[in-house]
Structure formats: C-alpha cells, structure tokens
Amino acid sequence: MSAEKDLNIVAEIKKRHGSVIDLDKSPTVIIEIIQNFRFLLDERADPGQGGGGPTRPEPGEVGTAAVLNLLLELKRDVEDIKVRLRP
C-alpha cells in the first residue's frame, strides 16, 4: 500500500469525523470507520491476489463475529503502537 493511499484514507476519516475522535462521546464511530475503510487497508481482500481471501460484504451485512474480529485486530494494532511509542 502506498503512503499516498494511507494519507488519502486518513484525510477522508478526518473529513468525516474530525481530527480527534472521542470514543466516550461517540463509541460507534470506530465501527463505522472499520466498516468503511477495512477493505481499503486489507490487501488480502484484493480479489486479484487469489487464494480465497475475504470478500467485501454488502453494506449492513457485517455480522457480529466479523465486528469482533475487527475489534480484536484493532486492539492488537493499538497495543503495538503503544509499545512503539514508549520511551
């Protein structure tokens, strides 16, 4: 994935939700972001790569298991970032 694509995704999230996301105030925002941008970020979802990877579900068809898996992945990513930011 290119750095330009990453910046475009971040810019779109900022445009939709602002520069600071208060999950205490709007906890469902993180789910919306995951639903909207997961498949842009997940290179395994590229049908051109073959291998039977995940396919993008239709809007509104994301099940509980998929959301929980995404949240667990997000939790791992956040923990990884925390470790990297520690002095």
PDB file of N, CA and C in Angstrom:
ATOM      1  N   MET A   1       0.850  -1.166   0.000  1.00  0.00           N
ATOM      2  CA  MET A   1       0.000   0.000   0.000  1.00  0.00           C
ATOM      3  C   MET A   1       0.897   1.230   0.000  1.00  0.00           C
ATOM      4  N   SER A   2       0.524   2.217  -0.769  1.00  0.00           N
ATOM      5  CA  SER A   2       1.357   3.405  -0.883  1.00  0.00           C
ATOM      6  C   SER A   2       1.078   4.391   0.253  1.00  0.00           C
ATOM      7  N   ALA A   3       2.095   5.191   0.523  1.00  0.00           N
ATOM      8  CA  ALA A   3       1.940   6.217   1.560  1.00  0.00           C
ATOM      9  C   ALA A   3       0.864   7.215   1.146  1.00  0.00           C
ATOM     10  N   GLU A   4       0.758   7.486  -0.136  1.00  0.00           N
ATOM     11  CA  GLU A   4      -0.258   8.423  -0.628  1.00  0.00           C
ATOM     12  C   GLU A   4      -1.668   7.889  -0.355  1.00  0.00           C
ATOM     13  N   LYS A   5      -1.854   6.587  -0.551  1.00  0.00           N
ATOM     14  CA  LYS A   5      -3.155   5.973  -0.264  1.00  0.00           C
ATOM     15  C   LYS A   5      -3.472   6.076   1.222  1.00  0.00           C
ATOM     16  N   ASP A   6      -2.461   5.818   2.065  1.00  0.00           N
ATOM     17  CA  ASP A   6      -2.648   5.944   3.512  1.00  0.00           C
ATOM     18  C   ASP A   6      -3.101   7.349   3.882  1.00  0.00           C
ATOM     19  N   LEU A   7      -2.417   8.354   3.320  1.00  0.00           N
ATOM     20  CA  LEU A   7      -2.752   9.749   3.624  1.00  0.00           C
ATOM     21  C   LEU A   7      -4.152  10.103   3.143  1.00  0.00           C
ATOM     22  N   ASN A   8      -4.548   9.561   2.003  1.00  0.00           N
ATOM     23  CA  ASN A   8      -5.899   9.820   1.495  1.00  0.00           C
ATOM     24  C   ASN A   8      -6.954   9.240   2.427  1.00  0.00           C
ATOM     25  N   ILE A   9      -6.686   8.047   2.955  1.00  0.00           N
ATOM     26  CA  ILE A   9      -7.630   7.421   3.883  1.00  0.00           C
ATOM     27  C   ILE A   9      -7.721   8.238   5.170  1.00  0.00           C
ATOM     28  N   VAL A  10      -6.574   8.648   5.699  1.00  0.00           N
ATOM     29  CA  VAL A  10      -6.563   9.459   6.918  1.00  0.00           C
ATOM     30  C   VAL A  10      -7.294  10.780   6.680  1.00  0.00           C
ATOM     31  N   ALA A  11      -7.063  11.396   5.533  1.00  0.00           N
ATOM     32  CA  ALA A  11      -7.736  12.657   5.216  1.00  0.00           C
ATOM     33  C   ALA A  11      -9.254  12.467   5.147  1.00  0.00           C
ATOM     34  N   GLU A  12      -9.696  11.359   4.579  1.00  0.00           N
ATOM     35  CA  GLU A  12     -11.128  11.094   4.489  1.00  0.00           C
ATOM     36  C   GLU A  12     -11.738  10.867   5.873  1.00  0.00           C
ATOM     37  N   ILE A  13     -11.030  10.143   6.732  1.00  0.00           N
ATOM     38  CA  ILE A  13     -11.523   9.932   8.094  1.00  0.00           C
ATOM     39  C   ILE A  13     -11.607  11.265   8.833  1.00  0.00           C
ATOM     40  N   LYS A  14     -10.586  12.111   8.687  1.00  0.00           N
ATOM     41  CA  LYS A  14     -10.618  13.437   9.326  1.00  0.00           C
ATOM     42  C   LYS A  14     -11.783  14.263   8.808  1.00  0.00           C
ATOM     43  N   LYS A  15     -12.037  14.188   7.504  1.00  0.00           N
ATOM     44  CA  LYS A  15     -13.127  14.963   6.910  1.00  0.00           C
ATOM     45  C   LYS A  15     -14.476  14.510   7.477  1.00  0.00           C
ATOM     46  N   ARG A  16     -14.628  13.203   7.649  1.00  0.00           N
ATOM     47  CA  ARG A  16     -15.904  12.668   8.137  1.00  0.00           C
ATOM     48  C   ARG A  16     -16.086  12.822   9.645  1.00  0.00           C
ATOM     49  N   HIS A  17     -14.977  12.664  10.403  1.00  0.00           N
ATOM     50  CA  HIS A  17     -15.107  12.563  11.857  1.00  0.00           C
ATOM     51  C   HIS A  17     -14.298  13.590  12.639  1.00  0.00           C
ATOM     52  N   GLY A  18     -13.523  14.416  11.970  1.00  0.00           N
ATOM     53  CA  GLY A  18     -12.693  15.392  12.649  1.00  0.00           C
ATOM     54  C   GLY A  18     -11.329  14.832  12.997  1.00  0.00           C
ATOM     55  N   SER A  19     -10.457  15.694  13.493  1.00  0.00           N
ATOM     56  CA  SER A  19      -9.087  15.294  13.814  1.00  0.00           C
ATOM     57  C   SER A  19      -8.994  14.490  15.108  1.00  0.00           C
ATOM     58  N   VAL A  20      -9.953  14.686  16.003  1.00  0.00           N
ATOM     59  CA  VAL A  20      -9.959  13.972  17.282  1.00  0.00           C
ATOM     60  C   VAL A  20     -11.273  13.205  17.379  1.00  0.00           C
ATOM     61  N   ILE A  21     -11.169  11.927  17.679  1.00  0.00           N
ATOM     62  CA  ILE A  21     -12.358  11.090  17.805  1.00  0.00           C
ATOM     63  C   ILE A  21     -12.527  10.744  19.277  1.00  0.00           C
ATOM     64  N   ASP A  22     -13.628  11.181  19.852  1.00  0.00           N
ATOM     65  CA  ASP A  22     -13.925  10.911  21.259  1.00  0.00           C
ATOM     66  C   ASP A  22     -14.830   9.685  21.328  1.00  0.00           C
ATOM     67  N   LEU A  23     -14.220   8.531  21.620  1.00  0.00           N
ATOM     68  CA  LEU A  23     -14.983   7.292  21.651  1.00  0.00           C
ATOM     69  C   LEU A  23     -15.918   7.201  22.838  1.00  0.00           C
ATOM     70  N   ASP A  24     -15.679   7.995  23.889  1.00  0.00           N
ATOM     71  CA  ASP A  24     -16.619   8.034  25.008  1.00  0.00           C
ATOM     72  C   ASP A  24     -17.908   8.730  24.578  1.00  0.00           C
ATOM     73  N   LYS A  25     -17.755   9.732  23.755  1.00  0.00           N
ATOM     74  CA  LYS A  25     -18.895  10.518  23.283  1.00  0.00           C
ATOM     75  C   LYS A  25     -19.634   9.798  22.150  1.00  0.00           C
ATOM     76  N   SER A  26     -18.878   9.175  21.244  1.00  0.00           N
ATOM     77  CA  SER A  26     -19.450   8.504  20.073  1.00  0.00           C
ATOM     78  C   SER A  26     -18.760   7.157  19.855  1.00  0.00           C
ATOM     79  N   PRO A  27     -19.081   6.155  20.655  1.00  0.00           N
ATOM     80  CA  PRO A  27     -18.368   4.876  20.573  1.00  0.00           C
ATOM     81  C   PRO A  27     -18.571   4.126  19.261  1.00  0.00           C
ATOM     82  N   THR A  28     -19.633   4.389  18.551  1.00  0.00           N
ATOM     83  CA  THR A  28     -19.884   3.650  17.316  1.00  0.00           C
ATOM     84  C   THR A  28     -19.057   4.162  16.136  1.00  0.00           C
ATOM     85  N   VAL A  29     -18.376   5.281  16.317  1.00  0.00           N
ATOM     86  CA  VAL A  29     -17.565   5.838  15.234  1.00  0.00           C
ATOM     87  C   VAL A  29     -16.490   4.853  14.802  1.00  0.00           C
ATOM     88  N   ILE A  30     -15.869   4.156  15.737  1.00  0.00           N
ATOM     89  CA  ILE A  30     -14.798   3.230  15.392  1.00  0.00           C
ATOM     90  C   ILE A  30     -15.335   2.092  14.520  1.00  0.00           C
ATOM     91  N   ILE A  31     -16.549   1.635  14.804  1.00  0.00           N
ATOM     92  CA  ILE A  31     -17.155   0.581  13.986  1.00  0.00           C
ATOM     93  C   ILE A  31     -17.410   1.101  12.578  1.00  0.00           C
ATOM     94  N   GLU A  32     -17.894   2.318  12.482  1.00  0.00           N
ATOM     95  CA  GLU A  32     -18.153   2.923  11.172  1.00  0.00           C
ATOM     96  C   GLU A  32     -16.856   3.049  10.371  1.00  0.00           C
ATOM     97  N   ILE A  33     -15.801   3.483  11.029  1.00  0.00           N
ATOM     98  CA  ILE A  33     -14.514   3.622  10.350  1.00  0.00           C
ATOM     99  C   ILE A  33     -14.022   2.263   9.871  1.00  0.00           C
ATOM    100  N   ILE A  34     -14.127   1.263  10.716  1.00  0.00           N
ATOM    101  CA  ILE A  34     -13.693  -0.082  10.328  1.00  0.00           C
ATOM    102  C   ILE A  34     -14.505  -0.568   9.142  1.00  0.00           C
ATOM    103  N   GLN A  35     -15.817  -0.392   9.200  1.00  0.00           N
ATOM    104  CA  GLN A  35     -16.661  -0.844   8.103  1.00  0.00           C
ATOM    105  C   GLN A  35     -16.332  -0.128   6.800  1.00  0.00           C
ATOM    106  N   ASN A  36     -16.074   1.168   6.886  1.00  0.00           N
ATOM    107  CA  ASN A  36     -15.837   1.944   5.668  1.00  0.00           C
ATOM    108  C   ASN A  36     -14.446   1.787   5.077  1.00  0.00           C
ATOM    109  N   PHE A  37     -13.453   1.503   5.908  1.00  0.00           N
ATOM    110  CA  PHE A  37     -12.077   1.543   5.422  1.00  0.00           C
ATOM    111  C   PHE A  37     -11.323   0.226   5.540  1.00  0.00           C
ATOM    112  N   ARG A  38     -11.876  -0.760   6.179  1.00  0.00           N
ATOM    113  CA  ARG A  38     -11.187  -2.038   6.377  1.00  0.00           C
ATOM    114  C   ARG A  38     -10.701  -2.636   5.060  1.00  0.00           C
ATOM    115  N   PHE A  39     -11.544  -2.662   4.072  1.00  0.00           N
ATOM    116  CA  PHE A  39     -11.203  -3.346   2.834  1.00  0.00           C
ATOM    117  C   PHE A  39     -10.306  -2.512   1.935  1.00  0.00           C
ATOM    118  N   LEU A  40     -10.193  -1.236   2.210  1.00  0.00           N
ATOM    119  CA  LEU A  40      -9.202  -0.419   1.508  1.00  0.00           C
ATOM    120  C   LEU A  40      -7.814  -0.678   2.067  1.00  0.00           C
ATOM    121  N   LEU A  41      -7.753  -1.011   3.337  1.00  0.00           N
ATOM    122  CA  LEU A  41      -6.478  -1.237   4.005  1.00  0.00           C
ATOM    123  C   LEU A  41      -6.024  -2.691   3.969  1.00  0.00           C
ATOM    124  N   ASP A  42      -6.940  -3.606   3.803  1.00  0.00           N
ATOM    125  CA  ASP A  42      -6.626  -5.024   3.863  1.00  0.00           C
ATOM    126  C   ASP A  42      -6.260  -5.532   2.478  1.00  0.00           C
ATOM    127  N   GLU A  43      -4.985  -5.686   2.226  1.00  0.00           N
ATOM    128  CA  GLU A  43      -4.524  -6.133   0.915  1.00  0.00           C
ATOM    129  C   GLU A  43      -4.973  -7.562   0.610  1.00  0.00           C
ATOM    130  N   ARG A  44      -5.264  -8.345   1.629  1.00  0.00           N
ATOM    131  CA  ARG A  44      -5.743  -9.710   1.415  1.00  0.00           C
ATOM    132  C   ARG A  44      -7.125  -9.719   0.774  1.00  0.00           C
ATOM    133  N   ALA A  45      -7.853  -8.627   0.874  1.00  0.00           N
ATOM    134  CA  ALA A  45      -9.195  -8.570   0.304  1.00  0.00           C
ATOM    135  C   ALA A  45      -9.162  -8.307  -1.195  1.00  0.00           C
ATOM    136  N   ASP A  46      -7.972  -8.085  -1.749  1.00  0.00           N
ATOM    137  CA  ASP A  46      -7.836  -7.822  -3.173  1.00  0.00           C
ATOM    138  C   ASP A  46      -8.150  -9.093  -3.953  1.00  0.00           C
ATOM    139  N   PRO A  47      -9.258  -9.108  -4.724  1.00  0.00           N
ATOM    140  CA  PRO A  47      -9.624 -10.321  -5.437  1.00  0.00           C
ATOM    141  C   PRO A  47      -8.584 -10.729  -6.477  1.00  0.00           C
ATOM    142  N   GLY A  48      -7.748  -9.817  -6.916  1.00  0.00           N
ATOM    143  CA  GLY A  48      -6.727 -10.132  -7.901  1.00  0.00           C
ATOM    144  C   GLY A  48      -5.610 -10.988  -7.351  1.00  0.00           C
ATOM    145  N   GLN A  49      -5.504 -11.107  -6.041  1.00  0.00           N
ATOM    146  CA  GLN A  49      -4.440 -11.893  -5.442  1.00  0.00           C
ATOM    147  C   GLN A  49      -4.797 -13.358  -5.321  1.00  0.00           C
ATOM    148  N   GLY A  50      -6.045 -13.708  -5.510  1.00  0.00           N
ATOM    149  CA  GLY A  50      -6.445 -15.108  -5.412  1.00  0.00           C
ATOM    150  C   GLY A  50      -6.346 -15.613  -3.988  1.00  0.00           C
ATOM    151  N   GLY A  51      -6.340 -16.906  -3.844  1.00  0.00           N
ATOM    152  CA  GLY A  51      -6.163 -17.506  -2.536  1.00  0.00           C
ATOM    153  C   GLY A  51      -7.419 -17.543  -1.683  1.00  0.00           C
ATOM    154  N   GLY A  52      -8.540 -17.146  -2.238  1.00  0.00           N
ATOM    155  CA  GLY A  52      -9.788 -17.251  -1.484  1.00  0.00           C
ATOM    156  C   GLY A  52      -9.853 -16.354  -0.270  1.00  0.00           C
ATOM    157  N   GLY A  53      -9.240 -15.188  -0.330  1.00  0.00           N
ATOM    158  CA  GLY A  53      -9.269 -14.250   0.790  1.00  0.00           C
ATOM    159  C   GLY A  53     -10.660 -13.725   1.023  1.00  0.00           C
ATOM    160  N   PRO A  54     -10.820 -12.895   2.048  1.00  0.00           N
ATOM    161  CA  PRO A  54     -12.148 -12.377   2.365  1.00  0.00           C
ATOM    162  C   PRO A  54     -12.691 -11.495   1.256  1.00  0.00           C
ATOM    163  N   THR A  55     -13.981 -11.497   1.112  1.00  0.00           N
ATOM    164  CA  THR A  55     -14.618 -10.634   0.133  1.00  0.00           C
ATOM    165  C   THR A  55     -15.367  -9.546   0.869  1.00  0.00           C
ATOM    166  N   ARG A  56     -15.536  -8.408   0.220  1.00  0.00           N
ATOM    167  CA  ARG A  56     -16.206  -7.283   0.869  1.00  0.00           C
ATOM    168  C   ARG A  56     -17.698  -7.570   0.988  1.00  0.00           C
ATOM    169  N   PRO A  57     -18.227  -7.500   2.204  1.00  0.00           N
ATOM    170  CA  PRO A  57     -19.663  -7.740   2.368  1.00  0.00           C
ATOM    171  C   PRO A  57     -20.462  -6.546   1.878  1.00  0.00           C
ATOM    172  N   GLU A  58     -21.707  -6.791   1.575  1.00  0.00           N
ATOM    173  CA  GLU A  58     -22.605  -5.711   1.203  1.00  0.00           C
ATOM    174  C   GLU A  58     -22.831  -4.840   2.436  1.00  0.00           C
ATOM    175  N   PRO A  59     -23.108  -3.536   2.244  1.00  0.00           N
ATOM    176  CA  PRO A  59     -23.368  -2.665   3.395  1.00  0.00           C
ATOM    177  C   PRO A  59     -24.484  -3.238   4.275  1.00  0.00           C
ATOM    178  N   GLY A  60     -24.269  -3.218   5.573  1.00  0.00           N
ATOM    179  CA  GLY A  60     -25.257  -3.717   6.510  1.00  0.00           C
ATOM    180  C   GLY A  60     -25.191  -5.213   6.746  1.00  0.00           C
ATOM    181  N   GLU A  61     -24.288  -5.929   6.053  1.00  0.00           N
ATOM    182  CA  GLU A  61     -24.212  -7.378   6.192  1.00  0.00           C
ATOM    183  C   GLU A  61     -23.032  -7.836   7.042  1.00  0.00           C
ATOM    184  N   VAL A  62     -22.428  -6.946   7.789  1.00  0.00           N
ATOM    185  CA  VAL A  62     -21.313  -7.329   8.644  1.00  0.00           C
ATOM    186  C   VAL A  62     -21.883  -7.943   9.912  1.00  0.00           C
ATOM    187  N   GLY A  63     -21.516  -9.195  10.156  1.00  0.00           N
ATOM    188  CA  GLY A  63     -22.034  -9.904  11.312  1.00  0.00           C
ATOM    189  C   GLY A  63     -21.251  -9.598  12.576  1.00  0.00           C
ATOM    190  N   THR A  64     -21.773 -10.061  13.685  1.00  0.00           N
ATOM    191  CA  THR A  64     -21.151  -9.833  14.987  1.00  0.00           C
ATOM    192  C   THR A  64     -19.748 -10.413  15.035  1.00  0.00           C
ATOM    193  N   ALA A  65     -19.563 -11.605  14.498  1.00  0.00           N
ATOM    194  CA  ALA A  65     -18.242 -12.243  14.522  1.00  0.00           C
ATOM    195  C   ALA A  65     -17.222 -11.399  13.764  1.00  0.00           C
ATOM    196  N   ALA A  66     -17.622 -10.859  12.624  1.00  0.00           N
ATOM    197  CA  ALA A  66     -16.711 -10.035  11.838  1.00  0.00           C
ATOM    198  C   ALA A  66     -16.336  -8.767  12.601  1.00  0.00           C
ATOM    199  N   VAL A  67     -17.298  -8.145  13.243  1.00  0.00           N
ATOM    200  CA  VAL A  67     -17.030  -6.926  14.008  1.00  0.00           C
ATOM    201  C   VAL A  67     -16.104  -7.236  15.181  1.00  0.00           C
ATOM    202  N   LEU A  68     -16.357  -8.329  15.874  1.00  0.00           N
ATOM    203  CA  LEU A  68     -15.495  -8.701  16.997  1.00  0.00           C
ATOM    204  C   LEU A  68     -14.073  -8.987  16.534  1.00  0.00           C
ATOM    205  N   ASN A  69     -13.930  -9.668  15.401  1.00  0.00           N
ATOM    206  CA  ASN A  69     -12.597  -9.926  14.865  1.00  0.00           C
ATOM    207  C   ASN A  69     -11.882  -8.629  14.510  1.00  0.00           C
ATOM    208  N   LEU A  70     -12.615  -7.691  13.936  1.00  0.00           N
ATOM    209  CA  LEU A  70     -12.023  -6.398  13.589  1.00  0.00           C
ATOM    210  C   LEU A  70     -11.608  -5.636  14.839  1.00  0.00           C
ATOM    211  N   LEU A  71     -12.432  -5.688  15.869  1.00  0.00           N
ATOM    212  CA  LEU A  71     -12.086  -5.004  17.112  1.00  0.00           C
ATOM    213  C   LEU A  71     -10.863  -5.631  17.770  1.00  0.00           C
ATOM    214  N   LEU A  72     -10.763  -6.959  17.725  1.00  0.00           N
ATOM    215  CA  LEU A  72      -9.578  -7.619  18.273  1.00  0.00           C
ATOM    216  C   LEU A  72      -8.324  -7.241  17.495  1.00  0.00           C
ATOM    217  N   GLU A  73      -8.453  -7.168  16.184  1.00  0.00           N
ATOM    218  CA  GLU A  73      -7.319  -6.747  15.360  1.00  0.00           C
ATOM    219  C   GLU A  73      -6.933  -5.304  15.679  1.00  0.00           C
ATOM    220  N   LEU A  74      -7.927  -4.450  15.830  1.00  0.00           N
ATOM    221  CA  LEU A  74      -7.667  -3.057  16.175  1.00  0.00           C
ATOM    222  C   LEU A  74      -6.980  -2.962  17.535  1.00  0.00           C
ATOM    223  N   LYS A  75      -7.430  -3.778  18.491  1.00  0.00           N
ATOM    224  CA  LYS A  75      -6.817  -3.784  19.814  1.00  0.00           C
ATOM    225  C   LYS A  75      -5.343  -4.168  19.722  1.00  0.00           C
ATOM    226  N   ARG A  76      -5.038  -5.177  18.921  1.00  0.00           N
ATOM    227  CA  ARG A  76      -3.639  -5.584  18.739  1.00  0.00           C
ATOM    228  C   ARG A  76      -2.824  -4.452  18.117  1.00  0.00           C
ATOM    229  N   ASP A  77      -3.403  -3.778  17.132  1.00  0.00           N
ATOM    230  CA  ASP A  77      -2.703  -2.660  16.492  1.00  0.00           C
ATOM    231  C   ASP A  77      -2.438  -1.528  17.482  1.00  0.00           C
ATOM    232  N   VAL A  78      -3.424  -1.210  18.312  1.00  0.00           N
ATOM    233  CA  VAL A  78      -3.259  -0.149  19.305  1.00  0.00           C
ATOM    234  C   VAL A  78      -2.180  -0.532  20.311  1.00  0.00           C
ATOM    235  N   GLU A  79      -2.190  -1.792  20.763  1.00  0.00           N
ATOM    236  CA  GLU A  79      -1.156  -2.244  21.695  1.00  0.00           C
ATOM    237  C   GLU A  79       0.225  -2.146  21.058  1.00  0.00           C
ATOM    238  N   ASP A  80       0.334  -2.501  19.786  1.00  0.00           N
ATOM    239  CA  ASP A  80       1.607  -2.405  19.068  1.00  0.00           C
ATOM    240  C   ASP A  80       2.075  -0.946  18.995  1.00  0.00           C
ATOM    241  N   ILE A  81       1.173  -0.037  18.730  1.00  0.00           N
ATOM    242  CA  ILE A  81       1.504   1.385  18.660  1.00  0.00           C
ATOM    243  C   ILE A  81       1.961   1.875  20.039  1.00  0.00           C
ATOM    244  N   LYS A  82       1.250   1.450  21.095  1.00  0.00           N
ATOM    245  CA  LYS A  82       1.640   1.856  22.456  1.00  0.00           C
ATOM    246  C   LYS A  82       3.067   1.419  22.770  1.00  0.00           C
ATOM    247  N   VAL A  83       3.401   0.187  22.391  1.00  0.00           N
ATOM    248  CA  VAL A  83       4.750  -0.320  22.644  1.00  0.00           C
ATOM    249  C   VAL A  83       5.793   0.504  21.899  1.00  0.00           C
ATOM    250  N   ARG A  84       5.476   0.862  20.670  1.00  0.00           N
ATOM    251  CA  ARG A  84       6.406   1.638  19.845  1.00  0.00           C
ATOM    252  C   ARG A  84       6.599   3.056  20.379  1.00  0.00           C
ATOM    253  N   LEU A  85       5.564   3.608  21.007  1.00  0.00           N
ATOM    254  CA  LEU A  85       5.636   4.993  21.491  1.00  0.00           C
ATOM    255  C   LEU A  85       6.254   5.118  22.863  1.00  0.00           C
ATOM    256  N   ARG A  86       6.407   4.017  23.584  1.00  0.00           N
ATOM    257  CA  ARG A  86       7.010   4.072  24.914  1.00  0.00           C
ATOM    258  C   ARG A  86       8.484   4.431  24.798  1.00  0.00           C
ATOM    259  N   PRO A  87       8.968   5.314  25.696  1.00  0.00           N
ATOM    260  CA  PRO A  87      10.386   5.711  25.628  1.00  0.00           C
ATOM    261  C   PRO A  87      11.326   4.593  26.041  1.00  0.00           C
TER     262      PRO A  87
END
